Amino acid sequence: MEKQHDQNFINEINRIKAELEKYKIENIKLKNDLVKANKIIETLQKNQKENSNIKNLKEENKNLKNQLYIKENEINQMKLKLKNNNKNHHLFELDDIMVINFVATDSSIHEGIKCVKTDTFVEVEEKLYQIYDDLRKTNNMFTINGRTILRFKNLEENNIKDGDKAILMKIE
């Protein structure tokens, strides 16, 4: 189900990219048409013989500018949508998601923190400090199953598993 959702998301991104490319090509064509229309208008204005044609071409020019404006807005909206989709969507396998249970030796803290196995321990520690801000004022050490945790290694490198209990010791 998750892979199908991911594939649907990828298909949607590819569809949006293809549509964006179509709009870019159409935008170039419209710009070229606009340049041609402007050249024709200048020539007809010099000849004054075909005032009705000039009026029509000016109207066409205005319409092309409006179409160009609309297409540029659509392109900008698609770019923003694509950027937001790429920026806000994190793909994780279900097996990568885990919870580490933090317990203080003085029993003042008992908190489960959600994370992924590629997070460094210091990133998970920061999530704990966002909940218990006063811990920032103390020098802390963490152990799991009797092993001291290396803060700048990721959870997998520290051999930390889902549901492990991290013992928080305040060093005086």
Protein backbone atom coordinates (compact mmCIF):
# COMPACT_ATOMS: atom_id res chain seq x y z
CA MET A 1 0.00 0.00 0.00
CA GLU A 2 2.82 2.40 0.96
CA LYS A 3 4.76 1.51 -2.22
CA GLN A 4 1.64 2.09 -4.30
CA HIS A 5 1.23 5.50 -2.63
CA ASP A 6 4.89 6.26 -3.32
CA GLN A 7 4.51 5.16 -6.95
CA ASN A 8 1.38 7.30 -7.30
CA PHE A 9 3.29 10.24 -5.85
CA ILE A 10 6.20 9.68 -8.25
CA ASN A 11 3.75 9.33 -11.17
CA GLU A 12 2.08 12.61 -10.12
CA ILE A 13 5.46 14.38 -9.98
CA ASN A 14 6.39 13.02 -13.44
CA ARG A 15 3.00 14.11 -14.81
CA ILE A 16 3.47 17.60 -13.37
CA LYS A 17 7.01 17.79 -14.81
CA ALA A 18 5.73 16.76 -18.25
CA GLU A 19 2.95 19.31 -18.04
CA LEU A 20 5.45 21.96 -16.96
CA GLU A 21 7.63 21.17 -20.00
CA LYS A 22 4.57 21.46 -22.25
CA TYR A 23 3.82 24.89 -20.76
CA LYS A 24 7.43 25.98 -21.23
CA ILE A 25 7.31 25.04 -24.92
CA GLU A 26 3.96 26.74 -25.31
CA ASN A 27 5.35 29.80 -23.50
CA ILE A 28 8.30 30.01 -25.96
CA LYS A 29 5.89 29.70 -28.88
CA LEU A 30 3.69 32.43 -27.44
CA LYS A 31 6.71 34.70 -26.91
CA ASN A 32 7.79 34.09 -30.52
CA ASP A 33 4.25 34.78 -31.71
CA LEU A 34 4.22 37.96 -29.63
CA VAL A 35 7.49 39.16 -31.19
CA LYS A 36 6.11 38.43 -34.66
CA ALA A 37 2.87 40.25 -33.87
CA ASN A 38 4.80 43.29 -32.61
CA LYS A 39 6.88 43.41 -35.83
CA ILE A 40 3.74 43.22 -37.95
CA ILE A 41 2.11 46.00 -35.94
CA GLU A 42 5.14 48.27 -36.42
CA THR A 43 5.15 47.68 -40.18
CA LEU A 44 1.43 48.37 -40.51
CA GLN A 45 1.65 51.54 -38.43
CA LYS A 46 4.24 52.90 -40.88
CA ASN A 47 1.98 52.20 -43.85
CA GLN A 48 -1.19 53.77 -42.35
CA LYS A 49 -3.12 52.14 -45.22
CA GLU A 50 -4.42 49.32 -43.16
CA ASN A 51 -5.63 50.94 -39.94
CA SER A 52 -8.28 48.26 -39.43
CA ASN A 53 -5.60 45.55 -39.63
CA ILE A 54 -3.50 47.40 -37.07
CA LYS A 55 -6.43 47.55 -34.69
CA ASN A 56 -7.02 43.81 -35.08
CA LEU A 57 -3.35 43.01 -34.60
CA LYS A 58 -3.23 45.14 -31.47
CA GLU A 59 -6.16 43.21 -30.08
CA GLU A 60 -4.44 39.93 -30.98
CA ASN A 61 -1.28 41.22 -29.31
CA LYS A 62 -3.25 42.03 -26.18
CA ASN A 63 -4.79 38.57 -26.20
CA LEU A 64 -1.40 36.95 -26.65
CA LYS A 65 -0.02 38.97 -23.76
CA ASN A 66 -2.94 37.84 -21.61
CA GLN A 67 -2.38 34.22 -22.67
CA LEU A 68 1.32 34.60 -21.93
CA TYR A 69 0.56 36.08 -18.51
CA ILE A 70 -1.84 33.22 -17.75
CA LYS A 71 0.68 30.59 -18.89
CA GLU A 72 3.50 32.19 -16.89
CA ASN A 73 1.29 32.14 -13.80
CA GLU A 74 0.44 28.49 -14.42
CA ILE A 75 4.15 27.66 -14.82
CA ASN A 76 5.00 29.50 -11.60
CA GLN A 77 2.21 27.70 -9.74
CA MET A 78 3.43 24.33 -11.07
CA LYS A 79 7.02 25.14 -10.07
CA LEU A 80 5.86 26.08 -6.57
CA LYS A 81 3.71 22.96 -6.30
CA LEU A 82 6.61 20.77 -7.47
CA LYS A 83 9.02 22.49 -5.09
CA ASN A 84 6.63 22.08 -2.14
CA ASN A 85 5.98 18.43 -2.99
CA ASN A 86 9.71 17.69 -3.11
CA LYS A 87 10.49 19.70 0.00
CA ASN A 88 7.72 18.48 2.28
CA HIS A 89 7.57 14.82 1.35
CA HIS A 90 9.94 12.48 3.13
CA LEU A 91 9.88 8.85 2.14
CA PHE A 92 10.68 6.34 4.86
CA GLU A 93 10.26 2.63 4.92
CA LEU A 94 8.08 1.45 7.79
CA ASP A 95 11.00 -0.60 9.13
CA ASP A 96 13.12 2.58 9.38
CA ILE A 97 10.75 4.29 11.85
CA MET A 98 11.42 3.63 15.52
CA VAL A 99 10.87 4.91 19.06
CA ILE A 100 13.57 5.33 21.69
CA ASN A 101 12.37 5.47 25.30
CA PHE A 102 14.30 7.96 27.42
CA VAL A 103 14.37 7.36 31.16
CA ALA A 104 16.29 9.52 33.64
CA THR A 105 18.13 7.84 36.51
CA ASP A 106 16.21 10.08 38.93
CA SER A 107 12.89 8.99 37.31
CA SER A 108 12.06 12.60 36.38
CA ILE A 109 11.79 11.72 32.70
CA HIS A 110 10.09 8.89 30.88
CA GLU A 111 9.54 9.86 27.24
CA GLY A 112 9.33 8.00 23.91
CA ILE A 113 10.87 9.87 20.98
CA LYS A 114 9.99 9.02 17.36
CA CYS A 115 12.89 8.86 14.93
CA VAL A 116 14.37 6.93 12.00
CA LYS A 117 17.43 4.72 12.11
CA THR A 118 19.42 7.15 9.92
CA ASP A 119 19.02 10.00 12.46
CA THR A 120 22.13 10.81 14.44
CA PHE A 121 21.72 10.37 18.17
CA VAL A 122 22.28 14.11 18.67
CA GLU A 123 19.21 14.79 16.45
CA VAL A 124 17.10 12.51 18.63
CA GLU A 125 18.58 14.11 21.75
CA GLU A 126 17.51 17.52 20.38
CA LYS A 127 13.92 16.24 20.04
CA LEU A 128 14.08 15.30 23.74
CA TYR A 129 15.43 18.77 24.63
CA GLN A 130 12.55 20.37 22.74
CA ILE A 131 10.22 18.67 25.22
CA TYR A 132 12.47 19.07 28.31
CA ASP A 133 14.22 22.38 27.67
CA ASP A 134 15.75 22.46 31.18
CA LEU A 135 17.95 19.47 30.21
CA ARG A 136 19.98 21.83 28.01
CA LYS A 137 21.43 23.34 31.20
CA THR A 138 22.90 20.02 32.33
CA ASN A 139 25.73 17.85 31.13
CA ASN A 140 24.07 14.59 30.06
CA MET A 141 25.28 11.14 29.13
CA PHE A 142 23.18 8.35 27.63
CA THR A 143 23.56 4.59 27.73
CA ILE A 144 21.58 1.79 26.12
CA ASN A 145 22.01 -1.77 27.33
CA GLY A 146 25.07 -0.65 29.29
CA ARG A 147 26.78 0.90 26.24
CA THR A 148 27.63 4.62 26.10
CA ILE A 149 26.03 6.25 23.07
CA LEU A 150 28.21 8.07 20.54
CA ARG A 151 26.16 11.22 19.89
CA PHE A 152 27.34 11.97 16.34
CA LYS A 153 26.80 8.48 14.97
CA ASN A 154 23.41 7.49 13.63
CA LEU A 155 21.12 5.10 15.49
CA GLU A 156 21.99 2.16 13.27
CA GLU A 157 25.73 2.72 13.81
CA ASN A 158 25.08 2.89 17.57
CA ASN A 159 23.24 -0.46 17.30
CA ILE A 160 20.06 1.11 18.70
CA LYS A 161 16.84 -0.79 18.02
CA ASP A 162 13.17 0.17 18.07
CA GLY A 163 11.90 0.30 21.66
CA ASP A 164 15.35 0.46 23.27
CA LYS A 165 15.53 2.28 26.60
CA ALA A 166 18.06 5.13 26.75
CA ILE A 167 19.17 5.85 30.30
CA LEU A 168 19.83 9.56 30.86
CA MET A 169 22.47 10.31 33.44
CA LYS A 170 23.08 13.91 34.51
CA ILE A 171 26.79 14.40 35.06
CA GLU A 172 27.54 16.79 37.92
